[in-house]
Amino acid sequence: MKFAKLEAGGVRLVDVPEPHAGAGELVVRMAASGVCGTDIEKLKGGYRASSILGHEPVGRVSEVGSGVPEFAVGDRVFVHHHVPCGACEICARGDYTFCPTYSQTNLDPGGFAESFRVSAHHVSAGAVLRLDPAVTWDEGTLLEPAGCVVTALHRIGYSPGMSVFIYGLGPVGLLYARLVRALGAAWVGGADVSALRRTVAEAGGIDAAVEPRDASSVAAAVEKATGGRGVDLAVVATGAPSAIEGAIGIARRAGTVNLFGLPGAGSRLDYDLQQLYLRGIRLIPTYATTESDLREVHALRVAHRLALVDLVSDRFSLSDIVPAFARARDAQSSVKVVVTGPAY
């Protein structure tokens, strides 16, 4: 079967053996998998945690191993690629995405494959989510990034009525904006260099979408919305260190900055730490998502509280994985790129 593999700074389609389900395992025939910003960072060499591409896959169960009575061949599912051990002190605190085991687990051989094996640990940990009939394949690929937003909101202590500004209106930034809007944000603004993504943001209900290279436009939008107080929550949904500086600058006193986007390896922040101290700014990094938060996102979609499908701008077949990644890197012409497989 075909599998998209990271090789020497690029992606290449290779032939690998078909996987088979052992005891407690599943095999899923891939229908679709989104191209994520972390996939692009892996191609650029700026992501150290994993070299496996594709972590937003949906598909149909094609083989069920012994001891898995809850699933059957033909079930439409989303599969979460990472699961924690559930036994260490980090898991005991509820910080599941920072469990040392979490980032070491993955799908075999990866999400950009015609079929992939889901380990018994994944199955027993609840990483396989049966999709509601109303959730399309395209929408299913957005559950993982949306789940990352929900995990972030839980970690930072988000509450309805907050004012929120998001640097970076790529797919995850747009999902962030839509989720805080669905969960009762008083005002939501954002910035992105892509005119297309600013347009999509405004169409999706964001209150103000501005060009971040014009710092005065960001400041003016925030000042108008908050009366000069600053936003309760400033989100960095991009890896650019300059966006972190901007977010700190527009957060209110004792406000929160969520470091949500992946910085490139070796990125540095040069900032006056005394200003952080005197203004009481909380810098909270968040990473990945959990099974319970994925189910929360799925429920929001089923209840029609979260719009997803219009964020998919492009679809490429697995055989066109190289141009798919090229399009995903072009923020001026794409929003979310989805790679489709044999079950689509």
Protein backbone atom coordinates (compact mmCIF):
# COMPACT_ATOMS: atom_id res chain seq x y z
CA MET A 1 0.00 0.00 0.00
CA LYS A 2 1.00 3.67 -0.31
CA PHE A 3 2.35 5.68 2.62
CA ALA A 4 3.64 9.27 2.72
CA LYS A 5 6.99 9.32 4.50
CA LEU A 6 9.23 12.15 5.63
CA GLU A 7 12.58 11.84 3.90
CA ALA A 8 15.48 14.31 3.74
CA GLY A 9 13.37 17.39 4.32
CA GLY A 10 10.60 16.35 1.93
CA VAL A 11 7.65 14.00 1.67
CA ARG A 12 7.72 10.92 -0.54
CA LEU A 13 5.13 8.28 -1.33
CA VAL A 14 6.52 4.80 -0.69
CA ASP A 15 5.20 1.24 -0.76
CA VAL A 16 4.88 -0.52 2.60
CA PRO A 17 3.15 -3.75 3.67
CA GLU A 18 -0.54 -3.65 4.56
CA PRO A 19 -1.00 -3.59 8.35
CA HIS A 20 -2.97 -6.27 10.20
CA ALA A 21 -4.79 -6.13 13.51
CA GLY A 22 -3.42 -8.10 16.43
CA ALA A 23 -5.27 -8.75 19.68
CA GLY A 24 -6.98 -5.60 20.91
CA GLU A 25 -6.10 -3.68 17.74
CA LEU A 26 -7.86 -2.18 14.73
CA VAL A 27 -6.93 -1.43 11.15
CA VAL A 28 -8.53 1.65 9.61
CA ARG A 29 -8.83 2.39 5.87
CA MET A 30 -8.03 6.07 5.56
CA ALA A 31 -10.71 8.37 4.14
CA ALA A 32 -9.07 11.74 4.84
CA SER A 33 -6.34 13.37 6.89
CA GLY A 34 -5.60 17.06 7.23
CA VAL A 35 -2.23 18.69 6.63
CA CYS A 36 -1.28 20.39 9.88
CA GLY A 37 1.21 23.15 10.60
CA THR A 38 3.30 20.66 12.58
CA ASP A 39 3.53 18.45 9.48
CA ILE A 40 4.93 21.42 7.60
CA GLU A 41 7.39 22.15 10.43
CA LYS A 42 8.58 18.54 10.21
CA LEU A 43 9.37 19.08 6.53
CA LYS A 44 11.29 22.23 7.44
CA GLY A 45 13.18 20.42 10.20
CA GLY A 46 11.65 22.62 12.89
CA TYR A 47 9.83 19.97 14.95
CA ARG A 48 11.70 17.58 17.22
CA ALA A 49 9.00 15.45 18.86
CA SER A 50 8.15 13.13 15.94
CA SER A 51 8.97 12.48 12.29
CA ILE A 52 5.69 10.71 11.46
CA LEU A 53 3.40 12.71 9.18
CA GLY A 54 -0.38 12.79 9.41
CA HIS A 55 -2.24 12.98 12.73
CA GLU A 56 -5.77 14.07 11.82
CA PRO A 57 -7.09 10.90 10.13
CA VAL A 58 -10.62 9.59 9.70
CA GLY A 59 -11.68 6.42 7.93
CA ARG A 60 -13.54 3.13 8.11
CA VAL A 61 -12.56 0.21 10.30
CA SER A 62 -11.37 -2.54 7.93
CA GLU A 63 -10.11 -5.15 10.39
CA VAL A 64 -10.91 -5.83 14.06
CA GLY A 65 -8.57 -7.82 16.28
CA SER A 66 -9.76 -10.18 18.98
CA GLY A 67 -11.06 -8.59 22.17
CA VAL A 68 -12.48 -5.41 20.61
CA PRO A 69 -16.26 -5.92 20.76
CA GLU A 70 -17.08 -2.19 20.67
CA PHE A 71 -16.05 -1.75 17.02
CA ALA A 72 -17.03 -3.49 13.79
CA VAL A 73 -15.80 -3.50 10.22
CA GLY A 74 -17.32 -0.51 8.40
CA ASP A 75 -17.51 1.82 11.41
CA ARG A 76 -16.67 5.44 10.56
CA VAL A 77 -14.05 6.66 13.03
CA PHE A 78 -11.59 9.36 13.95
CA VAL A 79 -8.38 8.09 15.56
CA HIS A 80 -6.22 10.16 17.89
CA HIS A 81 -2.54 9.49 17.23
CA HIS A 82 -1.13 10.15 20.73
CA VAL A 83 -2.26 8.64 24.04
CA PRO A 84 -0.77 8.97 27.54
CA CYS A 85 0.31 6.10 29.77
CA GLY A 86 -2.39 6.90 32.34
CA ALA A 87 -0.18 5.68 35.18
CA CYS A 88 2.55 8.27 35.82
CA GLU A 89 2.39 11.22 38.23
CA ILE A 90 1.90 13.63 35.33
CA CYS A 91 -1.20 11.71 34.23
CA ALA A 92 -2.37 11.61 37.87
CA ARG A 93 -2.33 15.42 37.83
CA GLY A 94 -4.41 15.46 34.66
CA ASP A 95 -1.61 16.88 32.48
CA TYR A 96 -2.01 14.03 30.00
CA THR A 97 -0.45 15.72 26.95
CA PHE A 98 2.81 16.23 28.87
CA CYS A 99 3.10 12.56 29.83
CA PRO A 100 6.51 11.26 28.58
CA THR A 101 4.73 8.37 26.85
CA TYR A 102 2.24 10.63 25.05
CA SER A 103 4.41 11.87 22.17
CA GLN A 104 6.08 8.46 21.78
CA THR A 105 2.83 6.77 20.74
CA ASN A 106 1.54 6.97 17.17
CA LEU A 107 -0.35 5.27 14.38
CA ASP A 108 1.36 2.61 12.28
CA PRO A 109 2.72 3.68 9.84
CA GLY A 110 1.02 7.12 10.09
CA GLY A 111 -2.06 9.10 9.13
CA PHE A 112 -1.05 9.63 5.50
CA ALA A 113 -1.36 5.95 4.57
CA GLU A 114 -3.99 4.00 2.68
CA SER A 115 -4.51 1.99 5.88
CA PHE A 116 -3.06 2.24 9.37
CA ARG A 117 -2.94 0.07 12.45
CA VAL A 118 -4.32 1.31 15.76
CA SER A 119 -2.51 -0.26 18.72
CA ALA A 120 -4.26 -1.99 21.61
CA HIS A 121 -3.06 0.82 23.89
CA HIS A 122 -4.77 3.39 21.67
CA VAL A 123 -7.99 1.37 21.58
CA SER A 124 -8.10 0.75 25.34
CA ALA A 125 -7.29 4.42 26.06
CA GLY A 126 -10.35 5.58 24.08
CA ALA A 127 -8.41 7.08 21.17
CA VAL A 128 -10.91 5.77 18.60
CA LEU A 129 -14.00 7.96 18.29
CA ARG A 130 -17.01 6.72 16.32
CA LEU A 131 -18.20 9.58 14.11
CA ASP A 132 -21.79 10.72 14.21
CA PRO A 133 -23.48 10.23 10.80
CA ALA A 134 -23.83 14.01 10.51
CA VAL A 135 -20.05 14.56 10.68
CA THR A 136 -18.47 14.47 7.23
CA TRP A 137 -15.01 13.14 6.47
CA ASP A 138 -13.73 16.69 5.97
CA GLU A 139 -15.15 17.81 9.32
CA GLY A 140 -13.66 14.77 11.01
CA THR A 141 -10.15 15.85 10.02
CA LEU A 142 -10.68 19.07 12.01
CA LEU A 143 -11.59 17.35 15.28
CA GLU A 144 -7.96 17.00 16.39
CA PRO A 145 -6.93 20.65 15.92
CA ALA A 146 -10.23 21.78 17.43
CA GLY A 147 -9.60 19.44 20.34
CA CYS A 148 -6.25 21.14 20.86
CA VAL A 149 -8.13 24.41 21.30
CA VAL A 150 -10.49 22.94 23.89
CA THR A 151 -7.54 21.49 25.81
CA ALA A 152 -5.91 24.93 25.75
CA LEU A 153 -9.07 26.62 27.02
CA HIS A 154 -9.32 24.19 29.92
CA ARG A 155 -5.67 24.66 30.81
CA ILE A 156 -5.76 28.46 30.84
CA GLY A 157 -9.06 28.64 32.74
CA TYR A 158 -11.15 30.21 29.98
CA SER A 159 -14.57 31.53 31.00
CA PRO A 160 -17.47 33.07 29.03
CA GLY A 161 -17.37 36.84 28.67
CA MET A 162 -13.63 37.07 27.99
CA SER A 163 -12.20 39.25 25.26
CA VAL A 164 -9.86 37.31 22.98
CA PHE A 165 -7.34 38.24 20.29
CA ILE A 166 -5.63 35.62 18.12
CA TYR A 167 -2.34 36.08 16.26
CA GLY A 168 -2.42 33.70 13.29
CA LEU A 169 -5.67 32.86 11.52
CA GLY A 170 -4.59 29.64 9.92
CA PRO A 171 -6.81 26.58 10.43
CA VAL A 172 -6.13 26.30 14.18
CA GLY A 173 -6.42 30.04 14.72
CA LEU A 174 -9.76 30.08 12.93
CA LEU A 175 -10.92 27.10 14.99
CA TYR A 176 -9.82 28.92 18.14
CA ALA A 177 -11.86 31.96 17.15
CA ARG A 178 -14.96 29.89 16.41
CA LEU A 179 -14.71 27.89 19.61
CA VAL A 180 -14.35 30.87 21.95
CA ARG A 181 -17.26 32.49 20.10
CA ALA A 182 -19.36 29.33 20.58
CA LEU A 183 -18.33 29.25 24.26
CA GLY A 184 -19.42 32.80 25.00
CA ALA A 185 -16.52 35.17 24.33
CA ALA A 186 -17.56 38.82 24.56
CA TRP A 187 -15.28 39.93 21.72
CA VAL A 188 -12.98 38.07 19.33
CA GLY A 189 -10.32 39.70 17.17
CA GLY A 190 -7.46 38.31 15.15
CA ALA A 191 -4.57 39.07 12.84
CA ASP A 192 -3.04 37.29 9.86
CA VAL A 193 -0.88 38.29 6.91
CA SER A 194 -3.20 36.37 4.55
CA ALA A 195 -6.10 38.40 3.16
CA LEU A 196 -7.92 35.15 2.36
CA ARG A 197 -7.74 33.95 5.95
CA ARG A 198 -8.84 37.34 7.30
CA THR A 199 -11.88 37.12 5.01
CA VAL A 200 -12.69 33.61 6.21
CA ALA A 201 -12.32 34.78 9.81
CA GLU A 202 -14.80 37.61 9.34
CA ALA A 203 -17.25 35.32 7.52
CA GLY A 204 -17.04 32.95 10.49
CA GLY A 205 -18.11 35.57 13.00
CA ILE A 206 -14.86 37.11 14.23
CA ASP A 207 -15.37 40.76 15.21
CA ALA A 208 -12.19 42.21 13.70
CA ALA A 209 -9.51 40.69 11.47
CA VAL A 210 -6.49 42.89 10.82
CA GLU A 211 -3.06 42.86 9.17
CA PRO A 212 -0.46 42.07 11.91
CA ARG A 213 2.44 43.81 10.16
CA ASP A 214 0.63 47.07 10.87
CA ALA A 215 0.97 47.12 14.67
CA SER A 216 -1.20 50.23 14.89
CA SER A 217 -4.18 48.39 13.39
CA VAL A 218 -3.91 45.64 16.03
CA ALA A 219 -3.61 48.20 18.83
CA ALA A 220 -6.54 50.22 17.47
CA ALA A 221 -8.81 47.17 17.23
CA VAL A 222 -7.99 46.09 20.79
CA GLU A 223 -8.29 49.61 22.20
CA LYS A 224 -11.68 50.11 20.57
CA ALA A 225 -12.99 46.77 21.84
CA THR A 226 -11.64 47.01 25.40
CA GLY A 227 -11.54 50.74 26.05
CA GLY A 228 -7.76 50.61 26.22
CA ARG A 229 -7.72 47.95 28.95
CA GLY A 230 -6.31 45.15 26.80
CA VAL A 231 -7.71 41.71 26.11
CA ASP A 232 -8.27 39.05 28.74
CA LEU A 233 -6.71 36.40 26.51
CA ALA A 234 -4.13 36.88 23.74
CA VAL A 235 -3.46 33.74 21.71
CA VAL A 236 -0.34 33.03 19.67
CA ALA A 237 -1.50 30.56 17.01
CA THR A 238 1.66 30.97 14.95
CA GLY A 239 5.29 30.10 15.55
CA ALA A 240 6.61 33.64 14.98
CA PRO A 241 8.36 35.03 18.11
CA SER A 242 7.28 38.53 17.08
CA ALA A 243 3.67 37.45 17.56
CA ILE A 244 4.46 36.52 21.17
CA GLU A 245 5.77 40.03 21.78
CA GLY A 246 2.64 41.47 20.18
CA ALA A 247 0.39 39.27 22.30
CA ILE A 248 2.10 40.31 25.52
CA GLY A 249 1.68 43.94 24.51
CA ILE A 250 -2.10 43.75 24.01
CA ALA A 251 -2.93 41.59 27.05
CA ARG A 252 -4.53 43.44 29.95
CA ARG A 253 -2.89 43.63 33.37
CA ALA A 254 -3.01 40.16 34.95
CA GLY A 255 -4.17 38.86 31.56
CA THR A 256 -3.16 35.63 29.86
CA VAL A 257 -1.06 34.84 26.79
CA ASN A 258 -1.59 31.33 25.40
CA LEU A 259 1.43 30.03 23.48
CA PHE A 260 -0.58 27.78 21.17
CA GLY A 261 1.28 27.68 17.84
CA LEU A 262 4.46 25.66 17.41
CA PRO A 263 7.65 27.78 17.44
CA GLY A 264 10.47 26.61 15.21
CA ALA A 265 13.27 24.69 16.88
CA GLY A 266 15.75 27.11 18.43
CA SER A 267 13.32 30.07 18.53
CA ARG A 268 14.11 32.71 21.14
CA LEU A 269 12.08 35.44 22.85
CA ASP A 270 13.76 38.71 23.78
CA TYR A 271 11.45 40.62 26.12
CA ASP A 272 11.68 42.89 29.15
CA LEU A 273 10.92 40.44 31.94
CA GLN A 274 10.29 43.27 34.41
CA GLN A 275 7.30 44.29 32.30
CA LEU A 276 5.91 40.77 32.56
CA TYR A 277 6.42 40.89 36.30
CA LEU A 278 4.88 44.32 36.87
CA ARG A 279 1.88 43.66 34.62
CA GLY A 280 1.31 40.15 35.97
CA ILE A 281 1.02 38.54 32.54
CA ARG A 282 0.56 34.76 32.56
CA LEU A 283 2.39 32.96 29.76
CA ILE A 284 0.80 29.51 29.35
CA PRO A 285 1.98 27.10 26.67
CA THR A 286 -0.45 24.37 25.65
CA TYR A 287 0.18 21.29 23.58
CA ALA A 288 -2.05 18.75 21.81
CA THR A 289 -5.33 17.34 23.12
CA THR A 290 -7.04 14.57 25.05
CA GLU A 291 -9.75 12.02 24.32
CA SER A 292 -12.31 13.78 26.54
CA ASP A 293 -11.69 17.12 24.82
CA LEU A 294 -12.02 15.49 21.39
CA ARG A 295 -15.40 14.16 22.43
CA GLU A 296 -16.40 17.64 23.60
CA VAL A 297 -15.56 19.09 20.17
CA HIS A 298 -17.46 16.27 18.43
CA ALA A 299 -20.51 17.02 20.60
CA LEU A 300 -20.32 20.75 19.76
CA ARG A 301 -20.30 19.91 16.04
CA VAL A 302 -23.20 17.45 16.36
CA ALA A 303 -25.17 20.09 18.25
CA HIS A 304 -24.50 22.58 15.39
CA ARG A 305 -22.64 24.92 17.73
CA LEU A 306 -19.38 24.73 15.76
CA ALA A 307 -19.03 25.19 11.99
CA LEU A 308 -16.18 23.22 10.45
CA VAL A 309 -16.73 22.17 6.86
CA ASP A 310 -16.23 25.58 5.23
CA LEU A 311 -12.65 25.73 6.56
CA VAL A 312 -11.54 23.03 4.10
CA SER A 313 -10.33 24.92 1.03
CA ASP A 314 -8.50 22.15 -0.86
CA ARG A 315 -8.57 18.37 -1.29
CA PHE A 316 -5.77 16.29 -2.79
CA SER A 317 -5.58 12.54 -3.22
CA LEU A 318 -2.85 10.66 -1.38
CA SER A 319 -1.03 10.22 -4.70
CA ASP A 320 -0.75 14.02 -4.86
CA ILE A 321 0.72 14.41 -1.38
CA VAL A 322 3.62 16.58 -2.61
CA PRO A 323 1.43 19.28 -4.20
CA ALA A 324 -0.90 19.00 -1.18
CA PHE A 325 1.93 20.08 1.11
CA ALA A 326 2.93 22.84 -1.32
CA ARG A 327 -0.60 24.23 -1.24
CA ALA A 328 -0.81 24.00 2.55
CA ARG A 329 2.34 26.12 2.81
CA ASP A 330 0.73 28.86 0.70
CA ALA A 331 -1.31 30.86 3.20
CA GLN A 332 -2.42 33.32 0.51
CA SER A 333 -4.37 30.69 -1.45
CA SER A 334 -5.44 28.03 1.06
CA VAL A 335 -6.99 27.59 4.47
CA LYS A 336 -7.18 23.88 5.35
CA VAL A 337 -5.79 21.26 2.99
CA VAL A 338 -7.13 17.71 3.29
CA VAL A 339 -5.53 14.59 1.80
CA THR A 340 -8.06 11.95 0.77
CA GLY A 341 -7.61 8.20 0.81
CA PRO A 342 -9.33 5.10 -0.57
CA ALA A 343 -12.26 5.23 1.88
CA TYR A 344 -13.24 8.82 1.02
